N, C-alpha and C. Protein backbone atom coordinates (compact mmCIF):
# COMPACT_ATOMS: atom_id res chain seq x y z
N MET A 1 -77.24 53.53 2.52
CA MET A 1 -77.68 54.06 3.80
C MET A 1 -77.97 55.56 3.71
N ALA A 2 -77.78 56.19 2.57
CA ALA A 2 -78.11 57.61 2.45
C ALA A 2 -79.63 57.78 2.46
N SER A 3 -80.07 58.90 2.99
CA SER A 3 -81.51 59.13 3.08
C SER A 3 -81.82 60.62 3.12
N ARG A 4 -82.87 61.02 2.42
CA ARG A 4 -83.32 62.41 2.43
C ARG A 4 -84.10 62.72 3.70
N THR A 5 -84.44 61.71 4.48
CA THR A 5 -85.21 61.94 5.70
C THR A 5 -84.41 62.67 6.77
N ALA A 6 -83.14 62.90 6.51
CA ALA A 6 -82.32 63.67 7.45
C ALA A 6 -82.88 65.08 7.62
N ASP A 7 -83.61 65.56 6.64
CA ASP A 7 -84.16 66.91 6.68
C ASP A 7 -85.45 67.01 7.51
N LEU A 8 -86.06 65.89 7.83
CA LEU A 8 -87.38 65.91 8.47
C LEU A 8 -87.38 66.65 9.80
N ALA A 9 -86.46 66.31 10.69
CA ALA A 9 -86.46 66.94 12.02
C ALA A 9 -86.27 68.45 11.92
N GLY A 10 -85.40 68.89 11.04
CA GLY A 10 -85.19 70.32 10.86
C GLY A 10 -86.42 71.01 10.32
N GLN A 11 -87.11 70.36 9.39
CA GLN A 11 -88.33 70.95 8.83
C GLN A 11 -89.45 71.02 9.87
N ILE A 12 -89.48 70.04 10.75
CA ILE A 12 -90.46 70.09 11.84
C ILE A 12 -90.14 71.27 12.75
N LYS A 13 -88.87 71.41 13.12
CA LYS A 13 -88.46 72.47 14.05
C LYS A 13 -88.70 73.86 13.48
N THR A 14 -88.43 74.05 12.18
CA THR A 14 -88.57 75.37 11.58
C THR A 14 -89.97 75.68 11.10
N GLY A 15 -90.84 74.67 11.06
CA GLY A 15 -92.21 74.88 10.58
C GLY A 15 -92.36 74.71 9.08
N GLN A 16 -91.27 74.37 8.37
CA GLN A 16 -91.34 74.19 6.92
C GLN A 16 -92.21 73.02 6.51
N ILE A 17 -92.48 72.13 7.45
CA ILE A 17 -93.29 70.96 7.13
C ILE A 17 -94.78 71.27 7.16
N ALA A 18 -95.16 72.35 7.81
CA ALA A 18 -96.58 72.68 8.00
C ALA A 18 -97.38 72.75 6.70
N PRO A 19 -96.87 73.37 5.62
CA PRO A 19 -97.67 73.40 4.39
C PRO A 19 -98.00 72.02 3.81
N TRP A 20 -97.16 71.03 4.13
CA TRP A 20 -97.41 69.68 3.61
C TRP A 20 -98.63 69.04 4.25
N PHE A 21 -99.01 69.52 5.42
CA PHE A 21 -100.20 68.97 6.08
C PHE A 21 -101.47 69.35 5.32
N LEU A 22 -101.42 70.41 4.50
CA LEU A 22 -102.59 70.89 3.78
C LEU A 22 -102.65 70.36 2.35
N ARG A 23 -101.63 69.66 1.92
CA ARG A 23 -101.59 69.15 0.54
C ARG A 23 -102.24 67.78 0.46
N PRO A 24 -102.75 67.45 -0.73
CA PRO A 24 -103.48 66.18 -0.87
C PRO A 24 -102.58 64.96 -1.08
N ILE A 25 -101.44 64.94 -0.44
CA ILE A 25 -100.55 63.78 -0.52
C ILE A 25 -100.12 63.43 0.89
N GLY A 26 -100.06 62.15 1.17
CA GLY A 26 -99.61 61.72 2.49
C GLY A 26 -98.16 62.12 2.71
N ILE A 27 -97.86 62.55 3.92
CA ILE A 27 -96.51 63.03 4.23
C ILE A 27 -95.48 61.90 4.09
N PHE A 28 -95.86 60.68 4.46
CA PHE A 28 -94.93 59.56 4.33
C PHE A 28 -94.70 59.20 2.86
N LYS A 29 -95.73 59.33 2.03
CA LYS A 29 -95.56 59.08 0.59
C LYS A 29 -94.62 60.12 -0.02
N PHE A 30 -94.77 61.37 0.42
CA PHE A 30 -93.88 62.43 -0.06
C PHE A 30 -92.43 62.11 0.28
N TRP A 31 -92.17 61.75 1.55
CA TRP A 31 -90.80 61.46 1.97
C TRP A 31 -90.28 60.19 1.29
N ALA A 32 -91.17 59.22 1.07
CA ALA A 32 -90.74 57.98 0.38
C ALA A 32 -90.34 58.28 -1.06
N SER A 33 -91.12 59.10 -1.76
CA SER A 33 -90.77 59.42 -3.15
C SER A 33 -89.48 60.24 -3.20
N ARG A 34 -89.31 61.12 -2.25
CA ARG A 34 -88.08 61.92 -2.18
C ARG A 34 -86.86 61.02 -1.91
N ASP A 35 -87.04 60.09 -1.00
CA ASP A 35 -85.97 59.16 -0.64
C ASP A 35 -85.65 58.24 -1.82
N LEU A 36 -86.68 57.76 -2.51
CA LEU A 36 -86.48 56.87 -3.66
C LEU A 36 -85.72 57.59 -4.77
N ALA A 37 -86.09 58.84 -5.05
CA ALA A 37 -85.38 59.62 -6.08
C ALA A 37 -83.90 59.78 -5.70
N ASP A 38 -83.65 60.03 -4.43
CA ASP A 38 -82.27 60.18 -3.96
C ASP A 38 -81.50 58.87 -4.13
N LYS A 39 -82.15 57.76 -3.83
CA LYS A 39 -81.48 56.46 -3.95
C LYS A 39 -81.18 56.12 -5.42
N VAL A 40 -82.09 56.46 -6.32
CA VAL A 40 -81.87 56.21 -7.74
C VAL A 40 -80.65 57.00 -8.22
N LEU A 41 -80.56 58.26 -7.81
CA LEU A 41 -79.39 59.07 -8.18
C LEU A 41 -78.11 58.48 -7.58
N ASN A 42 -78.17 58.08 -6.32
CA ASN A 42 -76.99 57.49 -5.68
C ASN A 42 -76.54 56.22 -6.39
N ILE A 43 -77.50 55.36 -6.75
CA ILE A 43 -77.16 54.11 -7.45
C ILE A 43 -76.53 54.42 -8.80
N PHE A 44 -77.09 55.38 -9.51
CA PHE A 44 -76.56 55.76 -10.83
C PHE A 44 -75.11 56.21 -10.73
N PHE A 45 -74.83 57.15 -9.83
CA PHE A 45 -73.46 57.66 -9.71
C PHE A 45 -72.52 56.63 -9.10
N THR A 46 -73.02 55.80 -8.19
CA THR A 46 -72.20 54.74 -7.63
C THR A 46 -71.80 53.74 -8.71
N ALA A 47 -72.73 53.41 -9.59
CA ALA A 47 -72.43 52.47 -10.68
C ALA A 47 -71.33 53.02 -11.57
N ILE A 48 -71.38 54.31 -11.86
CA ILE A 48 -70.33 54.93 -12.69
C ILE A 48 -68.99 54.87 -11.96
N GLU A 49 -69.00 55.26 -10.68
CA GLU A 49 -67.75 55.28 -9.90
C GLU A 49 -67.17 53.87 -9.76
N LEU A 50 -68.02 52.90 -9.43
CA LEU A 50 -67.53 51.53 -9.29
C LEU A 50 -67.05 50.97 -10.63
N GLY A 51 -67.75 51.32 -11.69
CA GLY A 51 -67.31 50.89 -13.02
C GLY A 51 -65.91 51.39 -13.33
N LEU A 52 -65.65 52.64 -13.02
CA LEU A 52 -64.31 53.19 -13.24
C LEU A 52 -63.26 52.51 -12.37
N ILE A 53 -63.61 52.26 -11.11
CA ILE A 53 -62.67 51.58 -10.21
C ILE A 53 -62.36 50.18 -10.72
N ILE A 54 -63.39 49.47 -11.17
CA ILE A 54 -63.19 48.10 -11.69
C ILE A 54 -62.32 48.13 -12.95
N LEU A 55 -62.57 49.10 -13.82
CA LEU A 55 -61.76 49.20 -15.04
C LEU A 55 -60.31 49.55 -14.74
N ILE A 56 -60.10 50.43 -13.79
CA ILE A 56 -58.73 50.89 -13.50
C ILE A 56 -57.95 49.87 -12.68
N PHE A 57 -58.55 49.36 -11.61
CA PHE A 57 -57.80 48.51 -10.68
C PHE A 57 -58.00 47.02 -10.91
N GLU A 58 -59.01 46.63 -11.66
CA GLU A 58 -59.31 45.23 -11.96
C GLU A 58 -59.30 44.33 -10.72
N PRO A 59 -60.10 44.68 -9.69
CA PRO A 59 -60.12 43.84 -8.48
C PRO A 59 -60.86 42.53 -8.75
N SER A 60 -60.57 41.54 -7.93
CA SER A 60 -61.33 40.30 -8.06
C SER A 60 -62.68 40.51 -7.38
N LEU A 61 -63.74 40.12 -8.05
CA LEU A 61 -65.09 40.32 -7.55
C LEU A 61 -65.76 38.98 -7.32
N PHE A 62 -66.64 38.95 -6.32
CA PHE A 62 -67.43 37.76 -6.09
C PHE A 62 -68.82 37.99 -6.65
N LEU A 63 -69.19 37.18 -7.63
CA LEU A 63 -70.52 37.26 -8.20
C LEU A 63 -71.30 36.01 -7.79
N GLN A 64 -72.38 36.24 -7.09
CA GLN A 64 -73.22 35.13 -6.63
C GLN A 64 -73.92 34.51 -7.84
N THR A 65 -73.88 33.18 -7.92
CA THR A 65 -74.53 32.49 -9.05
C THR A 65 -75.73 31.67 -8.61
N ASN A 66 -75.88 31.45 -7.31
CA ASN A 66 -77.00 30.68 -6.78
C ASN A 66 -78.25 31.56 -6.81
N LEU A 67 -79.27 31.15 -7.57
CA LEU A 67 -80.48 31.94 -7.75
C LEU A 67 -81.21 32.19 -6.43
N PHE A 68 -81.20 31.22 -5.53
CA PHE A 68 -81.85 31.39 -4.24
C PHE A 68 -81.23 32.56 -3.47
N TYR A 69 -79.90 32.59 -3.42
CA TYR A 69 -79.20 33.65 -2.69
C TYR A 69 -79.38 35.01 -3.38
N ILE A 70 -79.43 35.03 -4.70
CA ILE A 70 -79.63 36.30 -5.41
C ILE A 70 -81.01 36.87 -5.10
N ILE A 71 -82.04 36.03 -5.18
CA ILE A 71 -83.41 36.49 -4.89
C ILE A 71 -83.53 36.91 -3.43
N ALA A 72 -82.98 36.10 -2.52
CA ALA A 72 -83.03 36.43 -1.09
C ALA A 72 -82.30 37.74 -0.82
N PHE A 73 -81.18 37.94 -1.48
CA PHE A 73 -80.42 39.18 -1.33
C PHE A 73 -81.26 40.38 -1.76
N LEU A 74 -81.92 40.27 -2.90
CA LEU A 74 -82.74 41.38 -3.40
C LEU A 74 -83.91 41.66 -2.46
N ILE A 75 -84.53 40.60 -1.94
CA ILE A 75 -85.63 40.78 -0.99
C ILE A 75 -85.13 41.46 0.28
N LEU A 76 -84.00 40.97 0.80
CA LEU A 76 -83.44 41.59 2.02
C LEU A 76 -83.01 43.02 1.78
N CYS A 77 -82.48 43.33 0.62
CA CYS A 77 -82.10 44.73 0.32
C CYS A 77 -83.33 45.62 0.30
N LEU A 78 -84.40 45.14 -0.30
CA LEU A 78 -85.64 45.93 -0.32
C LEU A 78 -86.17 46.14 1.08
N LEU A 79 -86.23 45.07 1.87
CA LEU A 79 -86.70 45.18 3.25
C LEU A 79 -85.79 46.08 4.09
N ALA A 80 -84.48 45.96 3.90
CA ALA A 80 -83.54 46.79 4.64
C ALA A 80 -83.70 48.26 4.28
N THR A 81 -83.96 48.54 3.01
CA THR A 81 -84.17 49.92 2.58
C THR A 81 -85.43 50.49 3.21
N ILE A 82 -86.49 49.72 3.24
CA ILE A 82 -87.74 50.16 3.86
C ILE A 82 -87.54 50.35 5.36
N LEU A 83 -86.88 49.40 6.00
CA LEU A 83 -86.62 49.50 7.43
C LEU A 83 -85.78 50.72 7.76
N TYR A 84 -84.75 50.97 6.97
CA TYR A 84 -83.88 52.13 7.19
C TYR A 84 -84.68 53.42 7.03
N PHE A 85 -85.53 53.47 6.03
CA PHE A 85 -86.37 54.64 5.79
C PHE A 85 -87.28 54.90 6.99
N ILE A 86 -87.92 53.86 7.48
CA ILE A 86 -88.84 54.02 8.62
C ILE A 86 -88.06 54.41 9.88
N LEU A 87 -86.92 53.79 10.12
CA LEU A 87 -86.10 54.15 11.28
C LEU A 87 -85.68 55.62 11.22
N ASN A 88 -85.34 56.09 10.03
CA ASN A 88 -84.98 57.49 9.87
C ASN A 88 -86.16 58.42 10.12
N LEU A 89 -87.35 58.02 9.69
CA LEU A 89 -88.53 58.83 9.96
C LEU A 89 -88.82 58.89 11.46
N VAL A 90 -88.65 57.76 12.13
CA VAL A 90 -88.85 57.75 13.59
C VAL A 90 -87.83 58.68 14.25
N ALA A 91 -86.56 58.58 13.83
CA ALA A 91 -85.52 59.45 14.39
C ALA A 91 -85.80 60.91 14.05
N GLY A 92 -86.26 61.18 12.84
CA GLY A 92 -86.58 62.54 12.43
C GLY A 92 -87.76 63.13 13.18
N SER A 93 -88.64 62.26 13.64
CA SER A 93 -89.82 62.71 14.39
C SER A 93 -89.45 63.29 15.75
N THR A 94 -88.21 63.14 16.15
CA THR A 94 -87.77 63.76 17.40
C THR A 94 -87.87 65.27 17.33
N GLY A 95 -87.96 65.80 16.11
CA GLY A 95 -88.10 67.23 15.94
C GLY A 95 -89.35 67.80 16.59
N PHE A 96 -90.33 66.96 16.87
CA PHE A 96 -91.53 67.41 17.56
C PHE A 96 -91.23 67.80 19.01
N TRP A 97 -90.20 67.18 19.60
CA TRP A 97 -89.96 67.37 21.03
C TRP A 97 -88.58 67.91 21.38
N VAL A 98 -87.57 67.69 20.54
CA VAL A 98 -86.19 68.02 20.87
C VAL A 98 -85.77 69.31 20.16
N ALA A 99 -85.13 70.22 20.91
CA ALA A 99 -84.70 71.49 20.33
C ALA A 99 -83.51 71.31 19.40
N ASP A 100 -82.54 70.50 19.80
CA ASP A 100 -81.36 70.25 18.97
C ASP A 100 -81.60 68.97 18.19
N VAL A 101 -82.00 69.11 16.94
CA VAL A 101 -82.40 67.93 16.16
C VAL A 101 -81.22 67.22 15.52
N TRP A 102 -80.05 67.85 15.45
CA TRP A 102 -78.93 67.23 14.78
C TRP A 102 -78.25 66.17 15.65
N ALA A 103 -78.01 66.47 16.91
CA ALA A 103 -77.24 65.57 17.78
C ALA A 103 -77.91 64.21 17.99
N PRO A 104 -79.21 64.15 18.33
CA PRO A 104 -79.82 62.83 18.52
C PRO A 104 -79.83 62.01 17.23
N ARG A 105 -80.04 62.68 16.12
CA ARG A 105 -80.08 61.97 14.84
C ARG A 105 -78.69 61.42 14.50
N PHE A 106 -77.65 62.22 14.72
CA PHE A 106 -76.29 61.77 14.47
C PHE A 106 -75.97 60.56 15.35
N LEU A 107 -76.32 60.67 16.62
CA LEU A 107 -76.07 59.58 17.56
C LEU A 107 -76.79 58.32 17.10
N PHE A 108 -78.04 58.45 16.71
CA PHE A 108 -78.83 57.30 16.29
C PHE A 108 -78.28 56.68 15.01
N ILE A 109 -78.03 57.52 14.00
CA ILE A 109 -77.60 57.01 12.70
C ILE A 109 -76.19 56.44 12.76
N VAL A 110 -75.26 57.20 13.27
CA VAL A 110 -73.86 56.77 13.23
C VAL A 110 -73.59 55.65 14.23
N ILE A 111 -74.02 55.86 15.45
CA ILE A 111 -73.68 54.88 16.49
C ILE A 111 -74.50 53.60 16.33
N PHE A 112 -75.81 53.74 16.30
CA PHE A 112 -76.64 52.54 16.31
C PHE A 112 -76.76 51.88 14.93
N LEU A 113 -77.12 52.65 13.92
CA LEU A 113 -77.36 52.03 12.62
C LEU A 113 -76.09 51.56 11.94
N GLU A 114 -75.10 52.43 11.88
CA GLU A 114 -73.86 52.05 11.19
C GLU A 114 -73.07 51.00 11.97
N PHE A 115 -72.88 51.24 13.26
CA PHE A 115 -72.12 50.29 14.07
C PHE A 115 -72.88 48.98 14.23
N GLY A 116 -74.13 49.09 14.66
CA GLY A 116 -74.93 47.89 14.91
C GLY A 116 -75.32 47.15 13.65
N GLY A 117 -75.30 47.84 12.51
CA GLY A 117 -75.67 47.20 11.25
C GLY A 117 -74.51 46.49 10.57
N GLY A 118 -73.30 46.73 11.06
CA GLY A 118 -72.14 46.11 10.44
C GLY A 118 -71.52 46.99 9.37
N GLY A 119 -71.79 48.30 9.43
CA GLY A 119 -71.25 49.22 8.44
C GLY A 119 -69.78 49.50 8.62
N PHE A 120 -69.29 49.39 9.85
CA PHE A 120 -67.88 49.66 10.12
C PHE A 120 -67.02 48.40 10.04
N PHE A 121 -67.56 47.28 10.46
CA PHE A 121 -66.85 46.00 10.42
C PHE A 121 -67.89 44.88 10.51
N PRO A 122 -67.54 43.68 10.05
CA PRO A 122 -68.49 42.56 10.14
C PRO A 122 -68.80 42.23 11.60
N LEU A 123 -70.04 42.00 11.89
CA LEU A 123 -70.46 41.77 13.27
C LEU A 123 -69.93 40.45 13.84
N ASP A 124 -69.57 39.51 12.98
CA ASP A 124 -69.08 38.23 13.52
C ASP A 124 -67.65 38.31 14.06
N VAL A 125 -67.01 39.50 14.02
CA VAL A 125 -65.72 39.66 14.68
C VAL A 125 -65.90 40.05 16.14
N LEU A 126 -67.12 40.39 16.53
CA LEU A 126 -67.40 40.73 17.93
C LEU A 126 -67.42 39.48 18.79
N PRO A 127 -67.22 39.62 20.08
CA PRO A 127 -67.40 38.47 20.97
C PRO A 127 -68.83 37.93 20.83
N PRO A 128 -69.01 36.63 20.94
CA PRO A 128 -70.33 36.02 20.70
C PRO A 128 -71.47 36.66 21.49
N ILE A 129 -71.23 37.08 22.72
CA ILE A 129 -72.31 37.66 23.52
C ILE A 129 -72.81 38.96 22.90
N PHE A 130 -71.89 39.80 22.39
CA PHE A 130 -72.29 41.06 21.76
C PHE A 130 -73.01 40.82 20.43
N GLU A 131 -72.53 39.82 19.70
CA GLU A 131 -73.17 39.48 18.44
C GLU A 131 -74.60 39.00 18.69
N LYS A 132 -74.80 38.19 19.72
CA LYS A 132 -76.15 37.71 20.05
C LYS A 132 -77.06 38.85 20.47
N ILE A 133 -76.52 39.80 21.23
CA ILE A 133 -77.32 40.95 21.66
C ILE A 133 -77.72 41.80 20.44
N LEU A 134 -76.76 42.03 19.54
CA LEU A 134 -77.07 42.84 18.35
C LEU A 134 -78.10 42.16 17.46
N ARG A 135 -78.11 40.84 17.43
CA ARG A 135 -79.09 40.12 16.60
C ARG A 135 -80.52 40.29 17.11
N LEU A 136 -80.66 40.75 18.35
CA LEU A 136 -81.99 41.01 18.89
C LEU A 136 -82.51 42.40 18.49
N THR A 137 -81.67 43.18 17.82
CA THR A 137 -82.05 44.52 17.38
C THR A 137 -82.31 44.48 15.87
N PRO A 138 -82.89 45.54 15.31
CA PRO A 138 -83.11 45.55 13.86
C PRO A 138 -81.87 45.89 13.04
N PHE A 139 -80.80 46.33 13.69
CA PHE A 139 -79.66 46.88 12.99
C PHE A 139 -78.90 45.90 12.09
N PRO A 140 -78.66 44.64 12.50
CA PRO A 140 -77.91 43.74 11.61
C PRO A 140 -78.64 43.42 10.31
N TYR A 141 -79.93 43.68 10.28
CA TYR A 141 -80.72 43.36 9.09
C TYR A 141 -80.62 44.44 8.03
N LEU A 142 -79.89 45.51 8.34
CA LEU A 142 -79.71 46.60 7.39
C LEU A 142 -78.53 46.35 6.45
N ILE A 143 -77.42 45.86 6.97
CA ILE A 143 -76.21 45.66 6.15
C ILE A 143 -75.67 44.24 6.29
N TYR A 144 -75.51 43.80 7.53
CA TYR A 144 -74.83 42.54 7.82
C TYR A 144 -75.50 41.34 7.13
N TYR A 145 -76.79 41.15 7.35
CA TYR A 145 -77.46 39.99 6.77
C TYR A 145 -77.55 40.04 5.25
N PRO A 146 -77.89 41.18 4.63
CA PRO A 146 -77.86 41.19 3.16
C PRO A 146 -76.50 40.81 2.59
N LEU A 147 -75.41 41.28 3.22
CA LEU A 147 -74.09 40.92 2.72
C LEU A 147 -73.79 39.44 2.94
N LYS A 148 -74.17 38.92 4.09
CA LYS A 148 -73.95 37.49 4.35
C LYS A 148 -74.70 36.62 3.35
N VAL A 149 -75.91 37.07 2.99
CA VAL A 149 -76.69 36.32 2.01
C VAL A 149 -76.03 36.40 0.65
N TRP A 150 -75.60 37.59 0.24
CA TRP A 150 -74.94 37.71 -1.07
C TRP A 150 -73.71 36.81 -1.15
N LEU A 151 -72.96 36.74 -0.06
CA LEU A 151 -71.76 35.92 -0.05
C LEU A 151 -72.05 34.43 0.13
N GLY A 152 -73.33 34.11 0.43
CA GLY A 152 -73.71 32.71 0.61
C GLY A 152 -73.13 32.11 1.88
N GLN A 153 -72.92 32.93 2.90
CA GLN A 153 -72.27 32.47 4.11
C GLN A 153 -73.23 32.02 5.19
N ILE A 154 -74.52 32.02 4.91
CA ILE A 154 -75.49 31.51 5.89
C ILE A 154 -76.39 30.50 5.20
N ALA A 155 -76.88 29.57 5.99
CA ALA A 155 -77.71 28.48 5.46
C ALA A 155 -79.05 29.02 4.98
N PRO A 156 -79.70 28.32 4.04
CA PRO A 156 -81.00 28.76 3.54
C PRO A 156 -82.06 28.95 4.64
N THR A 157 -82.03 28.11 5.68
CA THR A 157 -83.01 28.30 6.76
C THR A 157 -82.76 29.60 7.50
N GLU A 158 -81.49 29.96 7.70
CA GLU A 158 -81.16 31.22 8.36
C GLU A 158 -81.50 32.41 7.45
N VAL A 159 -81.38 32.23 6.15
CA VAL A 159 -81.77 33.27 5.19
C VAL A 159 -83.26 33.55 5.31
N MET A 160 -84.06 32.49 5.35
CA MET A 160 -85.52 32.66 5.47
C MET A 160 -85.88 33.31 6.81
N MET A 161 -85.16 32.94 7.85
CA MET A 161 -85.40 33.55 9.17
C MET A 161 -85.04 35.03 9.13
N ALA A 162 -83.96 35.39 8.46
CA ALA A 162 -83.57 36.80 8.35
C ALA A 162 -84.63 37.60 7.60
N ILE A 163 -85.20 37.03 6.55
CA ILE A 163 -86.27 37.71 5.81
C ILE A 163 -87.49 37.88 6.70
N LEU A 164 -87.85 36.84 7.44
CA LEU A 164 -89.01 36.92 8.33
C LEU A 164 -88.79 37.96 9.43
N VAL A 165 -87.63 37.92 10.07
CA VAL A 165 -87.34 38.86 11.16
C VAL A 165 -87.30 40.30 10.64
N THR A 166 -86.71 40.52 9.48
CA THR A 166 -86.67 41.86 8.91
C THR A 166 -88.08 42.36 8.62
N THR A 167 -88.93 41.50 8.10
CA THR A 167 -90.32 41.87 7.83
C THR A 167 -91.04 42.25 9.12
N VAL A 168 -90.81 41.50 10.18
CA VAL A 168 -91.43 41.81 11.47
C VAL A 168 -90.93 43.18 11.96
N TRP A 169 -89.64 43.44 11.85
CA TRP A 169 -89.10 44.74 12.27
C TRP A 169 -89.72 45.88 11.46
N VAL A 170 -89.91 45.67 10.16
CA VAL A 170 -90.53 46.70 9.32
C VAL A 170 -91.92 47.04 9.85
N PHE A 171 -92.73 46.02 10.12
CA PHE A 171 -94.09 46.27 10.60
C PHE A 171 -94.10 46.89 12.00
N LEU A 172 -93.22 46.43 12.88
CA LEU A 172 -93.16 47.00 14.23
C LEU A 172 -92.77 48.48 14.20
N PHE A 173 -91.76 48.81 13.42
CA PHE A 173 -91.33 50.20 13.37
C PHE A 173 -92.30 51.08 12.59
N TYR A 174 -93.01 50.51 11.63
CA TYR A 174 -94.04 51.29 10.96
C TYR A 174 -95.16 51.64 11.94
N TYR A 175 -95.55 50.69 12.75
CA TYR A 175 -96.55 50.96 13.78
C TYR A 175 -96.03 52.01 14.77
N LEU A 176 -94.79 51.87 15.21
CA LEU A 176 -94.18 52.86 16.11
C LEU A 176 -94.17 54.24 15.47
N LEU A 177 -93.83 54.31 14.18
CA LEU A 177 -93.81 55.58 13.47
C LEU A 177 -95.19 56.23 13.49
N LYS A 178 -96.23 55.45 13.23
CA LYS A 178 -97.60 55.99 13.24
C LYS A 178 -97.95 56.54 14.62
N VAL A 179 -97.58 55.81 15.68
CA VAL A 179 -97.87 56.25 17.04
C VAL A 179 -97.10 57.53 17.36
N VAL A 180 -95.80 57.53 17.07
CA VAL A 180 -94.96 58.70 17.36
C VAL A 180 -95.45 59.91 16.56
N TRP A 181 -95.78 59.70 15.30
CA TRP A 181 -96.23 60.80 14.45
C TRP A 181 -97.56 61.38 14.97
N ARG A 182 -98.48 60.50 15.35
CA ARG A 182 -99.77 60.95 15.88
C ARG A 182 -99.56 61.78 17.14
N LYS A 183 -98.73 61.28 18.06
CA LYS A 183 -98.47 62.01 19.30
C LYS A 183 -97.73 63.32 19.02
N GLY A 184 -96.83 63.32 18.06
CA GLY A 184 -96.11 64.52 17.70
C GLY A 184 -97.03 65.59 17.12
N LEU A 185 -97.95 65.17 16.28
CA LEU A 185 -98.90 66.13 15.69
C LEU A 185 -99.81 66.75 16.74
N ILE A 186 -100.15 65.98 17.77
CA ILE A 186 -101.00 66.49 18.83
C ILE A 186 -100.30 67.63 19.57
N THR A 187 -99.02 67.49 19.80
CA THR A 187 -98.27 68.50 20.58
C THR A 187 -97.60 69.55 19.70
N TYR A 188 -97.68 69.41 18.38
CA TYR A 188 -96.94 70.28 17.48
C TYR A 188 -97.50 71.70 17.45
N ASP A 189 -96.60 72.64 17.59
CA ASP A 189 -96.95 74.05 17.50
C ASP A 189 -96.02 74.65 16.44
N VAL A 190 -96.59 75.04 15.31
CA VAL A 190 -95.79 75.54 14.20
C VAL A 190 -95.09 76.83 14.63
N PRO A 191 -93.75 76.88 14.49
CA PRO A 191 -93.01 78.08 14.88
C PRO A 191 -93.45 79.29 14.05
N GLY A 192 -93.59 80.41 14.72
CA GLY A 192 -93.92 81.65 14.03
C GLY A 192 -95.40 81.87 13.82
N ILE A 193 -96.25 80.93 14.29
CA ILE A 193 -97.69 81.10 14.12
C ILE A 193 -98.35 81.31 15.45
């Protein structure tokens, strides 16, 4: 869930993003490459840390052996990463309109993404009505569903539905990002110019 897009709103507010509008690379491609590099570093160091923990404490691990669940898990992880990236860009775009860019982003990331995604606890411990409401949002598709798939705790038809719904959320939020970004650029006034 780490992302370099946390810097976007601040760069919009301070005007540091303005030079990127003149460069021959798309701004979203720039942020995607930056985010990907950050994720590669995080995975590398996490692998080392987890390797040490496994060697020292020898915990029992669950390794999925069903090829369907492994492939579905990898697809859902990729879709969840893309969705998280786009959601962060949408949240970062608040820098076009909001003076305090840290508070709304913190509220969005910690409260909605982490809580609603199942980052603090599994969503199936909630009362059924809350779980059903959360399933109507994109948040459970970030953590909860990929983990359920890895553990093999949902049926193959529900796995396919989760992949389909996550894909729909990716396209919807990408469209929203384009709209928000276009409107933000129209109203944007670079500080100090």
